[in-house]
Amino acid sequence: MMWILPLVMGLAVCVVAVPLIAQRIPPNLLYGLRTPKTMSDKGLWYKANRRAGLWLFAAGLIAVIGAGGLWIFQGNLSSMTIQVVGLILTLTPLVTVIVINVLSYRIGHWVRWLKA
């Protein structure tokens, strides 16, 4: 049953990422990659959120595929292995969000790279 949490988390992240990829979310204070630069430039907002959405979708997809693998092979894996892999798969989308935000907000290189 340890495959359920990464499956749900991965699906939720994919659902949240789709509007960002489709550039359907206008600049706002609640949803999207919010930095001073993206909030001040509408074109950069859409470009940055599209890229962030692609990374989020990929992370969610990894969690979903991994959860499917856990479900398929749960009879062949030890309980500890299932728990560790399930935890890693659950944390993958969360770590992706943190890395994207740190790179774009604190370092700023990622946002500058988007303008090029």
N, C-alpha and C. Protein backbone atom coordinates (compact mmCIF):
# COMPACT_ATOMS: atom_id res chain seq x y z
N MET A 1 0.81 -1.21 0.00
CA MET A 1 0.00 0.00 0.00
C MET A 1 0.85 1.26 0.00
N MET A 2 2.17 1.12 0.11
CA MET A 2 3.04 2.30 0.15
C MET A 2 3.12 2.98 -1.22
N TRP A 3 2.57 2.40 -2.24
CA TRP A 3 2.60 2.99 -3.58
C TRP A 3 1.50 4.03 -3.76
N ILE A 4 0.50 4.07 -2.88
CA ILE A 4 -0.63 4.98 -3.04
C ILE A 4 -0.22 6.44 -2.86
N LEU A 5 0.57 6.73 -1.83
CA LEU A 5 0.96 8.12 -1.57
C LEU A 5 1.77 8.72 -2.73
N PRO A 6 2.81 8.04 -3.25
CA PRO A 6 3.51 8.64 -4.40
C PRO A 6 2.61 8.76 -5.64
N LEU A 7 1.68 7.82 -5.80
CA LEU A 7 0.76 7.91 -6.93
C LEU A 7 -0.11 9.16 -6.82
N VAL A 8 -0.71 9.37 -5.66
CA VAL A 8 -1.58 10.53 -5.46
C VAL A 8 -0.78 11.83 -5.57
N MET A 9 0.40 11.87 -4.95
CA MET A 9 1.24 13.06 -5.00
C MET A 9 1.66 13.35 -6.44
N GLY A 10 2.10 12.34 -7.15
CA GLY A 10 2.52 12.53 -8.54
C GLY A 10 1.39 13.02 -9.43
N LEU A 11 0.21 12.43 -9.27
CA LEU A 11 -0.95 12.86 -10.06
C LEU A 11 -1.33 14.30 -9.73
N ALA A 12 -1.31 14.65 -8.45
CA ALA A 12 -1.65 16.01 -8.04
C ALA A 12 -0.67 17.02 -8.63
N VAL A 13 0.61 16.70 -8.60
CA VAL A 13 1.62 17.61 -9.16
C VAL A 13 1.43 17.74 -10.67
N CYS A 14 1.13 16.66 -11.35
CA CYS A 14 0.89 16.73 -12.80
C CYS A 14 -0.32 17.61 -13.11
N VAL A 15 -1.38 17.47 -12.34
CA VAL A 15 -2.58 18.28 -12.55
C VAL A 15 -2.28 19.76 -12.33
N VAL A 16 -1.51 20.07 -11.30
CA VAL A 16 -1.16 21.46 -11.01
C VAL A 16 -0.23 22.03 -12.09
N ALA A 17 0.61 21.18 -12.67
CA ALA A 17 1.58 21.65 -13.66
C ALA A 17 0.96 21.95 -15.02
N VAL A 18 -0.10 21.28 -15.39
CA VAL A 18 -0.67 21.43 -16.73
C VAL A 18 -1.09 22.87 -17.05
N PRO A 19 -1.81 23.58 -16.18
CA PRO A 19 -2.15 24.97 -16.50
C PRO A 19 -0.92 25.88 -16.63
N LEU A 20 0.13 25.56 -15.89
CA LEU A 20 1.36 26.34 -16.02
C LEU A 20 2.01 26.11 -17.38
N ILE A 21 2.05 24.86 -17.80
CA ILE A 21 2.62 24.52 -19.10
C ILE A 21 1.80 25.16 -20.22
N ALA A 22 0.49 25.15 -20.08
CA ALA A 22 -0.40 25.71 -21.10
C ALA A 22 -0.47 27.24 -21.04
N GLN A 23 0.24 27.84 -20.10
CA GLN A 23 0.29 29.29 -19.94
C GLN A 23 -1.11 29.88 -19.73
N ARG A 24 -1.89 29.21 -18.89
CA ARG A 24 -3.25 29.65 -18.59
C ARG A 24 -3.35 30.43 -17.29
N ILE A 25 -2.26 30.51 -16.54
CA ILE A 25 -2.30 31.17 -15.23
C ILE A 25 -1.67 32.56 -15.35
N PRO A 26 -2.45 33.61 -15.20
CA PRO A 26 -1.88 34.96 -15.27
C PRO A 26 -1.09 35.27 -13.99
N PRO A 27 -0.26 36.29 -14.02
CA PRO A 27 0.49 36.66 -12.81
C PRO A 27 -0.46 36.86 -11.62
N ASN A 28 -0.11 36.24 -10.51
CA ASN A 28 -0.93 36.32 -9.29
C ASN A 28 -0.04 36.07 -8.09
N LEU A 29 -0.60 36.20 -6.91
CA LEU A 29 0.19 36.04 -5.69
C LEU A 29 0.08 34.65 -5.07
N LEU A 30 -0.69 33.73 -5.67
CA LEU A 30 -0.92 32.44 -5.05
C LEU A 30 -0.38 31.24 -5.81
N TYR A 31 -0.33 31.30 -7.13
CA TYR A 31 -0.09 30.10 -7.93
C TYR A 31 0.89 30.42 -9.03
N GLY A 32 2.01 29.73 -9.04
CA GLY A 32 3.02 29.94 -10.06
C GLY A 32 4.36 30.29 -9.45
N LEU A 33 5.33 30.50 -10.31
CA LEU A 33 6.69 30.86 -9.90
C LEU A 33 6.73 32.36 -9.67
N ARG A 34 6.64 32.76 -8.41
CA ARG A 34 6.52 34.17 -8.06
C ARG A 34 7.85 34.71 -7.55
N THR A 35 8.50 35.49 -8.37
CA THR A 35 9.71 36.20 -7.98
C THR A 35 9.50 37.66 -8.35
N PRO A 36 10.32 38.56 -7.82
CA PRO A 36 10.16 39.96 -8.23
C PRO A 36 10.25 40.15 -9.74
N LYS A 37 11.15 39.41 -10.40
CA LYS A 37 11.31 39.56 -11.85
C LYS A 37 10.11 39.01 -12.62
N THR A 38 9.62 37.85 -12.23
CA THR A 38 8.48 37.30 -12.97
C THR A 38 7.20 38.09 -12.71
N MET A 39 7.09 38.65 -11.52
CA MET A 39 5.89 39.45 -11.21
C MET A 39 5.89 40.79 -11.95
N SER A 40 7.06 41.29 -12.32
CA SER A 40 7.13 42.59 -12.99
C SER A 40 7.13 42.49 -14.52
N ASP A 41 7.29 41.29 -15.06
CA ASP A 41 7.36 41.12 -16.52
C ASP A 41 6.42 39.99 -16.92
N LYS A 42 5.30 40.34 -17.56
CA LYS A 42 4.28 39.34 -17.90
C LYS A 42 4.81 38.27 -18.86
N GLY A 43 5.63 38.67 -19.82
CA GLY A 43 6.20 37.70 -20.75
C GLY A 43 7.12 36.71 -20.04
N LEU A 44 7.92 37.22 -19.11
CA LEU A 44 8.80 36.36 -18.34
C LEU A 44 7.99 35.45 -17.42
N TRP A 45 6.89 35.96 -16.88
CA TRP A 45 6.01 35.15 -16.03
C TRP A 45 5.57 33.88 -16.76
N TYR A 46 5.06 34.06 -17.97
CA TYR A 46 4.55 32.90 -18.72
C TYR A 46 5.68 31.95 -19.11
N LYS A 47 6.82 32.50 -19.53
CA LYS A 47 7.94 31.66 -19.94
C LYS A 47 8.50 30.89 -18.75
N ALA A 48 8.68 31.56 -17.61
CA ALA A 48 9.23 30.91 -16.42
C ALA A 48 8.27 29.85 -15.89
N ASN A 49 6.99 30.15 -15.88
CA ASN A 49 6.03 29.19 -15.37
C ASN A 49 5.84 28.01 -16.30
N ARG A 50 6.01 28.22 -17.59
CA ARG A 50 5.97 27.09 -18.53
C ARG A 50 7.11 26.12 -18.24
N ARG A 51 8.33 26.67 -18.08
CA ARG A 51 9.47 25.82 -17.79
C ARG A 51 9.33 25.14 -16.43
N ALA A 52 8.91 25.90 -15.43
CA ALA A 52 8.71 25.31 -14.10
C ALA A 52 7.64 24.22 -14.16
N GLY A 53 6.57 24.47 -14.93
CA GLY A 53 5.52 23.47 -15.08
C GLY A 53 6.01 22.20 -15.75
N LEU A 54 6.89 22.34 -16.73
CA LEU A 54 7.45 21.15 -17.38
C LEU A 54 8.27 20.32 -16.39
N TRP A 55 9.08 21.00 -15.57
CA TRP A 55 9.86 20.29 -14.55
C TRP A 55 8.93 19.62 -13.53
N LEU A 56 7.90 20.33 -13.12
CA LEU A 56 6.96 19.76 -12.16
C LEU A 56 6.24 18.54 -12.75
N PHE A 57 5.83 18.66 -14.00
CA PHE A 57 5.13 17.55 -14.65
C PHE A 57 6.05 16.33 -14.73
N ALA A 58 7.31 16.56 -15.08
CA ALA A 58 8.27 15.46 -15.17
C ALA A 58 8.46 14.80 -13.80
N ALA A 59 8.56 15.61 -12.75
CA ALA A 59 8.72 15.05 -11.41
C ALA A 59 7.48 14.26 -10.99
N GLY A 60 6.31 14.78 -11.30
CA GLY A 60 5.08 14.07 -10.99
C GLY A 60 4.97 12.77 -11.77
N LEU A 61 5.38 12.80 -13.02
CA LEU A 61 5.35 11.60 -13.85
C LEU A 61 6.30 10.53 -13.31
N ILE A 62 7.47 10.96 -12.85
CA ILE A 62 8.42 10.01 -12.25
C ILE A 62 7.78 9.35 -11.03
N ALA A 63 7.10 10.14 -10.20
CA ALA A 63 6.44 9.58 -9.02
C ALA A 63 5.34 8.60 -9.41
N VAL A 64 4.57 8.92 -10.43
CA VAL A 64 3.48 8.04 -10.88
C VAL A 64 4.03 6.73 -11.44
N ILE A 65 5.05 6.84 -12.28
CA ILE A 65 5.65 5.63 -12.87
C ILE A 65 6.29 4.78 -11.78
N GLY A 66 6.98 5.44 -10.86
CA GLY A 66 7.59 4.70 -9.75
C GLY A 66 6.56 4.01 -8.88
N ALA A 67 5.43 4.70 -8.63
CA ALA A 67 4.35 4.09 -7.85
C ALA A 67 3.80 2.87 -8.57
N GLY A 68 3.69 2.95 -9.88
CA GLY A 68 3.25 1.78 -10.66
C GLY A 68 4.23 0.64 -10.54
N GLY A 69 5.52 0.97 -10.56
CA GLY A 69 6.54 -0.07 -10.37
C GLY A 69 6.46 -0.70 -8.99
N LEU A 70 6.24 0.12 -7.98
CA LEU A 70 6.08 -0.43 -6.62
C LEU A 70 4.88 -1.35 -6.54
N TRP A 71 3.79 -0.95 -7.18
CA TRP A 71 2.59 -1.77 -7.16
C TRP A 71 2.84 -3.12 -7.85
N ILE A 72 3.52 -3.05 -9.00
CA ILE A 72 3.78 -4.28 -9.75
C ILE A 72 4.71 -5.23 -9.00
N PHE A 73 5.78 -4.66 -8.42
CA PHE A 73 6.81 -5.49 -7.81
C PHE A 73 6.71 -5.59 -6.29
N GLN A 74 5.60 -5.16 -5.70
CA GLN A 74 5.51 -5.16 -4.25
C GLN A 74 5.65 -6.55 -3.63
N GLY A 75 5.29 -7.58 -4.35
CA GLY A 75 5.44 -8.94 -3.83
C GLY A 75 6.88 -9.41 -3.83
N ASN A 76 7.74 -8.79 -4.65
CA ASN A 76 9.13 -9.22 -4.76
C ASN A 76 10.09 -8.36 -3.95
N LEU A 77 9.60 -7.29 -3.33
CA LEU A 77 10.46 -6.36 -2.60
C LEU A 77 10.21 -6.48 -1.10
N SER A 78 11.26 -6.21 -0.34
CA SER A 78 11.09 -6.22 1.11
C SER A 78 10.27 -5.01 1.54
N SER A 79 9.71 -5.10 2.72
CA SER A 79 8.90 -4.00 3.25
C SER A 79 9.73 -2.73 3.37
N MET A 80 10.97 -2.85 3.83
CA MET A 80 11.83 -1.68 3.98
C MET A 80 12.12 -1.03 2.63
N THR A 81 12.39 -1.82 1.62
CA THR A 81 12.65 -1.29 0.27
C THR A 81 11.44 -0.53 -0.25
N ILE A 82 10.29 -1.10 -0.08
CA ILE A 82 9.06 -0.45 -0.53
C ILE A 82 8.86 0.88 0.19
N GLN A 83 9.11 0.91 1.49
CA GLN A 83 8.94 2.15 2.25
C GLN A 83 9.94 3.22 1.83
N VAL A 84 11.19 2.85 1.64
CA VAL A 84 12.22 3.81 1.25
C VAL A 84 11.95 4.35 -0.15
N VAL A 85 11.67 3.47 -1.08
CA VAL A 85 11.39 3.91 -2.46
C VAL A 85 10.12 4.75 -2.50
N GLY A 86 9.11 4.35 -1.76
CA GLY A 86 7.87 5.13 -1.70
C GLY A 86 8.11 6.53 -1.15
N LEU A 87 8.93 6.64 -0.13
CA LEU A 87 9.26 7.95 0.43
C LEU A 87 10.02 8.81 -0.58
N ILE A 88 10.98 8.22 -1.25
CA ILE A 88 11.75 8.96 -2.27
C ILE A 88 10.82 9.44 -3.38
N LEU A 89 9.93 8.57 -3.83
CA LEU A 89 9.00 8.95 -4.90
C LEU A 89 8.03 10.04 -4.44
N THR A 90 7.65 10.01 -3.18
CA THR A 90 6.75 11.02 -2.65
C THR A 90 7.45 12.37 -2.55
N LEU A 91 8.72 12.35 -2.16
CA LEU A 91 9.47 13.60 -1.98
C LEU A 91 9.98 14.19 -3.29
N THR A 92 10.08 13.41 -4.36
CA THR A 92 10.62 13.91 -5.62
C THR A 92 9.91 15.17 -6.11
N PRO A 93 8.58 15.21 -6.21
CA PRO A 93 7.94 16.45 -6.65
C PRO A 93 8.15 17.62 -5.69
N LEU A 94 8.18 17.33 -4.39
CA LEU A 94 8.38 18.40 -3.42
C LEU A 94 9.77 19.00 -3.53
N VAL A 95 10.77 18.16 -3.68
CA VAL A 95 12.14 18.65 -3.83
C VAL A 95 12.28 19.43 -5.13
N THR A 96 11.61 19.00 -6.18
CA THR A 96 11.65 19.73 -7.45
C THR A 96 11.12 21.14 -7.28
N VAL A 97 10.02 21.29 -6.58
CA VAL A 97 9.46 22.62 -6.33
C VAL A 97 10.45 23.50 -5.56
N ILE A 98 11.06 22.93 -4.54
CA ILE A 98 12.02 23.70 -3.73
C ILE A 98 13.22 24.11 -4.57
N VAL A 99 13.76 23.20 -5.37
CA VAL A 99 14.93 23.52 -6.19
C VAL A 99 14.60 24.61 -7.21
N ILE A 100 13.45 24.51 -7.86
CA ILE A 100 13.05 25.53 -8.83
C ILE A 100 12.96 26.90 -8.16
N ASN A 101 12.33 26.95 -7.00
CA ASN A 101 12.18 28.23 -6.31
C ASN A 101 13.51 28.79 -5.83
N VAL A 102 14.37 27.95 -5.29
CA VAL A 102 15.67 28.43 -4.81
C VAL A 102 16.50 28.94 -5.98
N LEU A 103 16.54 28.19 -7.07
CA LEU A 103 17.34 28.61 -8.22
C LEU A 103 16.82 29.92 -8.82
N SER A 104 15.53 30.06 -8.89
CA SER A 104 14.97 31.23 -9.54
C SER A 104 14.94 32.46 -8.64
N TYR A 105 14.71 32.28 -7.37
CA TYR A 105 14.54 33.43 -6.48
C TYR A 105 15.85 33.86 -5.84
N ARG A 106 16.55 32.94 -5.24
CA ARG A 106 17.77 33.30 -4.51
C ARG A 106 18.95 33.54 -5.43
N ILE A 107 19.18 32.65 -6.35
CA ILE A 107 20.35 32.76 -7.21
C ILE A 107 20.05 33.68 -8.39
N GLY A 108 18.90 33.53 -8.97
CA GLY A 108 18.50 34.38 -10.08
C GLY A 108 19.03 33.94 -11.43
N HIS A 109 19.96 32.98 -11.47
CA HIS A 109 20.51 32.54 -12.75
C HIS A 109 19.45 31.93 -13.64
N TRP A 110 18.55 31.18 -13.04
CA TRP A 110 17.54 30.49 -13.84
C TRP A 110 16.64 31.48 -14.53
N VAL A 111 16.25 32.55 -13.83
CA VAL A 111 15.38 33.56 -14.43
C VAL A 111 16.13 34.31 -15.51
N ARG A 112 17.40 34.64 -15.28
CA ARG A 112 18.18 35.32 -16.32
C ARG A 112 18.33 34.44 -17.55
N TRP A 113 18.50 33.14 -17.33
CA TRP A 113 18.63 32.20 -18.44
C TRP A 113 17.36 32.16 -19.28
N LEU A 114 16.20 32.36 -18.65
CA LEU A 114 14.94 32.36 -19.39
C LEU A 114 14.84 33.54 -20.35
N LYS A 115 15.44 34.68 -19.99
CA LYS A 115 15.34 35.86 -20.84
C LYS A 115 16.17 35.74 -22.10
N ALA A 116 17.18 34.89 -22.07
CA ALA A 116 18.09 34.76 -23.23
C ALA A 116 17.41 34.12 -24.40
